[in-house]
Amino acid sequence: MGFRNFGTLLLVFMILMMVFGTQRLRDIGNDLAIAIRNFRKGLQEDQGNTEESKENKS
C-alpha cells in the first residue's frame, strides 16, 4: 500500500518536472520555504505579543 502511494507521488513529481522544468521547480521550492519560515516567525511574534498583553493586564 505504501509503495503505491510512493509511485503516485513520483509520477506527479515527474509530470511537474516536465511542465515547469527543474529550475522553475527549484524557485518554487525556495519561495515556499521562505513563505513557511516567515509564517512561523509571524506566529512566534504573535504569541509573544499575546503573552505580553496578558502580563500587562495582571
PDB file of N, CA and C in Angstrom:
ATOM      1  N   MET A   1       0.835  -1.194   0.000  1.00  0.00           N
ATOM      2  CA  MET A   1       0.000   0.000   0.000  1.00  0.00           C
ATOM      3  C   MET A   1       0.871   1.246   0.000  1.00  0.00           C
ATOM      4  N   GLY A   2       1.932   1.280   0.819  1.00  0.00           N
ATOM      5  CA  GLY A   2       2.807   2.431   0.884  1.00  0.00           C
ATOM      6  C   GLY A   2       3.577   2.646  -0.407  1.00  0.00           C
ATOM      7  N   PHE A   3       3.944   1.555  -1.070  1.00  0.00           N
ATOM      8  CA  PHE A   3       4.693   1.671  -2.323  1.00  0.00           C
ATOM      9  C   PHE A   3       3.828   2.289  -3.412  1.00  0.00           C
ATOM     10  N   ARG A   4       2.546   1.991  -3.385  1.00  0.00           N
ATOM     11  CA  ARG A   4       1.631   2.556  -4.379  1.00  0.00           C
ATOM     12  C   ARG A   4       1.557   4.074  -4.220  1.00  0.00           C
ATOM     13  N   ASN A   5       1.509   4.558  -2.991  1.00  0.00           N
ATOM     14  CA  ASN A   5       1.486   5.994  -2.744  1.00  0.00           C
ATOM     15  C   ASN A   5       2.782   6.650  -3.201  1.00  0.00           C
ATOM     16  N   PHE A   6       3.913   5.981  -3.000  1.00  0.00           N
ATOM     17  CA  PHE A   6       5.196   6.497  -3.436  1.00  0.00           C
ATOM     18  C   PHE A   6       5.246   6.595  -4.961  1.00  0.00           C
ATOM     19  N   GLY A   7       4.716   5.575  -5.625  1.00  0.00           N
ATOM     20  CA  GLY A   7       4.677   5.581  -7.087  1.00  0.00           C
ATOM     21  C   GLY A   7       3.836   6.723  -7.619  1.00  0.00           C
ATOM     22  N   THR A   8       2.725   6.993  -6.986  1.00  0.00           N
ATOM     23  CA  THR A   8       1.862   8.101  -7.389  1.00  0.00           C
ATOM     24  C   THR A   8       2.566   9.430  -7.172  1.00  0.00           C
ATOM     25  N   LEU A   9       3.234   9.571  -6.050  1.00  0.00           N
ATOM     26  CA  LEU A   9       3.973  10.791  -5.757  1.00  0.00           C
ATOM     27  C   LEU A   9       5.099  11.004  -6.776  1.00  0.00           C
ATOM     28  N   LEU A  10       5.789   9.947  -7.115  1.00  0.00           N
ATOM     29  CA  LEU A  10       6.864  10.022  -8.097  1.00  0.00           C
ATOM     30  C   LEU A  10       6.322  10.415  -9.465  1.00  0.00           C
ATOM     31  N   LEU A  11       5.192   9.869  -9.848  1.00  0.00           N
ATOM     32  CA  LEU A  11       4.567  10.202 -11.131  1.00  0.00           C
ATOM     33  C   LEU A  11       4.172  11.674 -11.183  1.00  0.00           C
ATOM     34  N   VAL A  12       3.582  12.174 -10.120  1.00  0.00           N
ATOM     35  CA  VAL A  12       3.192  13.589 -10.055  1.00  0.00           C
ATOM     36  C   VAL A  12       4.425  14.481 -10.142  1.00  0.00           C
ATOM     37  N   PHE A  13       5.487  14.112  -9.428  1.00  0.00           N
ATOM     38  CA  PHE A  13       6.722  14.900  -9.460  1.00  0.00           C
ATOM     39  C   PHE A  13       7.320  14.934 -10.866  1.00  0.00           C
ATOM     40  N   MET A  14       7.308  13.811 -11.557  1.00  0.00           N
ATOM     41  CA  MET A  14       7.861  13.758 -12.918  1.00  0.00           C
ATOM     42  C   MET A  14       7.034  14.613 -13.878  1.00  0.00           C
ATOM     43  N   ILE A  15       5.727  14.597 -13.726  1.00  0.00           N
ATOM     44  CA  ILE A  15       4.866  15.435 -14.567  1.00  0.00           C
ATOM     45  C   ILE A  15       5.143  16.907 -14.303  1.00  0.00           C
ATOM     46  N   LEU A  16       5.294  17.274 -13.033  1.00  0.00           N
ATOM     47  CA  LEU A  16       5.618  18.655 -12.700  1.00  0.00           C
ATOM     48  C   LEU A  16       6.963  19.071 -13.287  1.00  0.00           C
ATOM     49  N   MET A  17       7.941  18.169 -13.277  1.00  0.00           N
ATOM     50  CA  MET A  17       9.246  18.477 -13.860  1.00  0.00           C
ATOM     51  C   MET A  17       9.135  18.729 -15.357  1.00  0.00           C
ATOM     52  N   MET A  18       8.294  17.951 -16.026  1.00  0.00           N
ATOM     53  CA  MET A  18       8.132  18.139 -17.468  1.00  0.00           C
ATOM     54  C   MET A  18       7.410  19.449 -17.782  1.00  0.00           C
ATOM     55  N   VAL A  19       6.464  19.821 -16.940  1.00  0.00           N
ATOM     56  CA  VAL A  19       5.677  21.032 -17.200  1.00  0.00           C
ATOM     57  C   VAL A  19       6.476  22.286 -16.864  1.00  0.00           C
ATOM     58  N   PHE A  20       7.073  22.330 -15.683  1.00  0.00           N
ATOM     59  CA  PHE A  20       7.728  23.538 -15.211  1.00  0.00           C
ATOM     60  C   PHE A  20       9.229  23.568 -15.470  1.00  0.00           C
ATOM     61  N   GLY A  21       9.887  22.436 -15.498  1.00  0.00           N
ATOM     62  CA  GLY A  21      11.336  22.395 -15.620  1.00  0.00           C
ATOM     63  C   GLY A  21      11.982  22.419 -14.246  1.00  0.00           C
ATOM     64  N   THR A  22      13.216  21.975 -14.186  1.00  0.00           N
ATOM     65  CA  THR A  22      13.873  21.836 -12.888  1.00  0.00           C
ATOM     66  C   THR A  22      14.187  23.181 -12.248  1.00  0.00           C
ATOM     67  N   GLN A  23      14.581  24.179 -13.038  1.00  0.00           N
ATOM     68  CA  GLN A  23      14.918  25.493 -12.473  1.00  0.00           C
ATOM     69  C   GLN A  23      13.688  26.144 -11.854  1.00  0.00           C
ATOM     70  N   ARG A  24      12.569  26.082 -12.534  1.00  0.00           N
ATOM     71  CA  ARG A  24      11.343  26.699 -12.011  1.00  0.00           C
ATOM     72  C   ARG A  24      10.869  25.975 -10.751  1.00  0.00           C
ATOM     73  N   LEU A  25      10.991  24.645 -10.716  1.00  0.00           N
ATOM     74  CA  LEU A  25      10.614  23.896  -9.512  1.00  0.00           C
ATOM     75  C   LEU A  25      11.512  24.275  -8.335  1.00  0.00           C
ATOM     76  N   ARG A  26      12.796  24.503  -8.599  1.00  0.00           N
ATOM     77  CA  ARG A  26      13.720  24.931  -7.540  1.00  0.00           C
ATOM     78  C   ARG A  26      13.299  26.297  -7.011  1.00  0.00           C
ATOM     79  N   ASP A  27      12.916  27.196  -7.905  1.00  0.00           N
ATOM     80  CA  ASP A  27      12.462  28.525  -7.484  1.00  0.00           C
ATOM     81  C   ASP A  27      11.180  28.438  -6.659  1.00  0.00           C
ATOM     82  N   ILE A  28      10.262  27.581  -7.091  1.00  0.00           N
ATOM     83  CA  ILE A  28       9.008  27.401  -6.353  1.00  0.00           C
ATOM     84  C   ILE A  28       9.301  26.848  -4.957  1.00  0.00           C
ATOM     85  N   GLY A  29      10.213  25.875  -4.862  1.00  0.00           N
ATOM     86  CA  GLY A  29      10.578  25.300  -3.573  1.00  0.00           C
ATOM     87  C   GLY A  29      11.199  26.326  -2.647  1.00  0.00           C
ATOM     88  N   ASN A  30      12.087  27.157  -3.193  1.00  0.00           N
ATOM     89  CA  ASN A  30      12.709  28.201  -2.373  1.00  0.00           C
ATOM     90  C   ASN A  30      11.680  29.216  -1.894  1.00  0.00           C
ATOM     91  N   ASP A  31      10.797  29.633  -2.778  1.00  0.00           N
ATOM     92  CA  ASP A  31       9.755  30.593  -2.392  1.00  0.00           C
ATOM     93  C   ASP A  31       8.833  30.006  -1.328  1.00  0.00           C
ATOM     94  N   LEU A  32       8.505  28.728  -1.469  1.00  0.00           N
ATOM     95  CA  LEU A  32       7.645  28.068  -0.486  1.00  0.00           C
ATOM     96  C   LEU A  32       8.339  27.984   0.879  1.00  0.00           C
ATOM     97  N   ALA A  33       9.634  27.667   0.873  1.00  0.00           N
ATOM     98  CA  ALA A  33      10.386  27.583   2.134  1.00  0.00           C
ATOM     99  C   ALA A  33      10.447  28.946   2.824  1.00  0.00           C
ATOM    100  N   ILE A  34      10.655  30.006   2.063  1.00  0.00           N
ATOM    101  CA  ILE A  34      10.697  31.360   2.637  1.00  0.00           C
ATOM    102  C   ILE A  34       9.336  31.733   3.213  1.00  0.00           C
ATOM    103  N   ALA A  35       8.270  31.371   2.500  1.00  0.00           N
ATOM    104  CA  ALA A  35       6.922  31.684   2.982  1.00  0.00           C
ATOM    105  C   ALA A  35       6.621  30.952   4.283  1.00  0.00           C
ATOM    106  N   ILE A  36       6.995  29.689   4.371  1.00  0.00           N
ATOM    107  CA  ILE A  36       6.757  28.915   5.596  1.00  0.00           C
ATOM    108  C   ILE A  36       7.567  29.494   6.750  1.00  0.00           C
ATOM    109  N   ARG A  37       8.833  29.863   6.483  1.00  0.00           N
ATOM    110  CA  ARG A  37       9.687  30.441   7.515  1.00  0.00           C
ATOM    111  C   ARG A  37       9.094  31.750   8.036  1.00  0.00           C
ATOM    112  N   ASN A  38       8.617  32.601   7.137  1.00  0.00           N
ATOM    113  CA  ASN A  38       8.013  33.871   7.555  1.00  0.00           C
ATOM    114  C   ASN A  38       6.716  33.650   8.325  1.00  0.00           C
ATOM    115  N   PHE A  39       5.948  32.651   7.923  1.00  0.00           N
ATOM    116  CA  PHE A  39       4.703  32.337   8.623  1.00  0.00           C
ATOM    117  C   PHE A  39       4.988  31.895  10.055  1.00  0.00           C
ATOM    118  N   ARG A  40       5.963  31.013  10.220  1.00  0.00           N
ATOM    119  CA  ARG A  40       6.329  30.550  11.572  1.00  0.00           C
ATOM    120  C   ARG A  40       6.855  31.698  12.421  1.00  0.00           C
ATOM    121  N   LYS A  41       7.662  32.562  11.814  1.00  0.00           N
ATOM    122  CA  LYS A  41       8.203  33.708  12.534  1.00  0.00           C
ATOM    123  C   LYS A  41       7.071  34.635  12.980  1.00  0.00           C
ATOM    124  N   GLY A  42       6.085  34.840  12.118  1.00  0.00           N
ATOM    125  CA  GLY A  42       4.938  35.667  12.462  1.00  0.00           C
ATOM    126  C   GLY A  42       4.122  35.064  13.594  1.00  0.00           C
ATOM    127  N   LEU A  43       3.969  33.736  13.584  1.00  0.00           N
ATOM    128  CA  LEU A  43       3.241  33.080  14.670  1.00  0.00           C
ATOM    129  C   LEU A  43       3.972  33.252  15.996  1.00  0.00           C
ATOM    130  N   GLN A  44       5.298  33.118  15.973  1.00  0.00           N
ATOM    131  CA  GLN A  44       6.071  33.277  17.209  1.00  0.00           C
ATOM    132  C   GLN A  44       5.977  34.705  17.728  1.00  0.00           C
ATOM    133  N   GLU A  45       6.038  35.682  16.835  1.00  0.00           N
ATOM    134  CA  GLU A  45       5.923  37.077  17.251  1.00  0.00           C
ATOM    135  C   GLU A  45       4.534  37.355  17.808  1.00  0.00           C
ATOM    136  N   ASP A  46       3.519  36.765  17.200  1.00  0.00           N
ATOM    137  CA  ASP A  46       2.148  36.965  17.669  1.00  0.00           C
ATOM    138  C   ASP A  46       1.955  36.344  19.049  1.00  0.00           C
ATOM    139  N   GLN A  47       2.539  35.177  19.282  1.00  0.00           N
ATOM    140  CA  GLN A  47       2.440  34.542  20.596  1.00  0.00           C
ATOM    141  C   GLN A  47       3.149  35.381  21.644  1.00  0.00           C
ATOM    142  N   GLY A  48       4.271  35.977  21.277  1.00  0.00           N
ATOM    143  CA  GLY A  48       4.992  36.849  22.205  1.00  0.00           C
ATOM    144  C   GLY A  48       4.173  38.070  22.554  1.00  0.00           C
ATOM    145  N   ASN A  49       3.490  38.651  21.568  1.00  0.00           N
ATOM    146  CA  ASN A  49       2.640  39.815  21.831  1.00  0.00           C
ATOM    147  C   ASN A  49       1.460  39.445  22.717  1.00  0.00           C
ATOM    148  N   THR A  50       0.913  38.253  22.526  1.00  0.00           N
ATOM    149  CA  THR A  50      -0.214  37.807  23.340  1.00  0.00           C
ATOM    150  C   THR A  50       0.217  37.622  24.788  1.00  0.00           C
ATOM    151  N   GLU A  51       1.395  37.037  25.010  1.00  0.00           N
ATOM    152  CA  GLU A  51       1.890  36.836  26.373  1.00  0.00           C
ATOM    153  C   GLU A  51       2.173  38.175  27.051  1.00  0.00           C
ATOM    154  N   GLU A  52       2.701  39.149  26.307  1.00  0.00           N
ATOM    155  CA  GLU A  52       2.978  40.472  26.874  1.00  0.00           C
ATOM    156  C   GLU A  52       1.678  41.165  27.274  1.00  0.00           C
ATOM    157  N   SER A  53       0.655  41.019  26.452  1.00  0.00           N
ATOM    158  CA  SER A  53      -0.607  41.682  26.775  1.00  0.00           C
ATOM    159  C   SER A  53      -1.265  41.039  28.006  1.00  0.00           C
ATOM    160  N   LYS A  54      -1.081  39.732  28.190  1.00  0.00           N
ATOM    161  CA  LYS A  54      -1.609  39.073  29.372  1.00  0.00           C
ATOM    162  C   LYS A  54      -0.893  39.553  30.631  1.00  0.00           C
ATOM    163  N   GLU A  55       0.436  39.747  30.516  1.00  0.00           N
ATOM    164  CA  GLU A  55       1.215  40.212  31.671  1.00  0.00           C
ATOM    165  C   GLU A  55       0.827  41.649  32.036  1.00  0.00           C
ATOM    166  N   ASN A  56       0.532  42.468  31.052  1.00  0.00           N
ATOM    167  CA  ASN A  56       0.172  43.865  31.309  1.00  0.00           C
ATOM    168  C   ASN A  56      -1.191  43.983  31.977  1.00  0.00           C
ATOM    169  N   LYS A  57      -2.082  43.033  31.696  1.00  0.00           N
ATOM    170  CA  LYS A  57      -3.415  43.067  32.293  1.00  0.00           C
ATOM    171  C   LYS A  57      -3.386  42.659  33.765  1.00  0.00           C
ATOM    172  N   SER A  58      -2.403  41.846  34.157  1.00  0.00           N
ATOM    173  CA  SER A  58      -2.332  41.356  35.534  1.00  0.00           C
ATOM    174  C   SER A  58      -1.890  42.408  36.509  1.00  0.00           C
TER     175      SER A  58
END
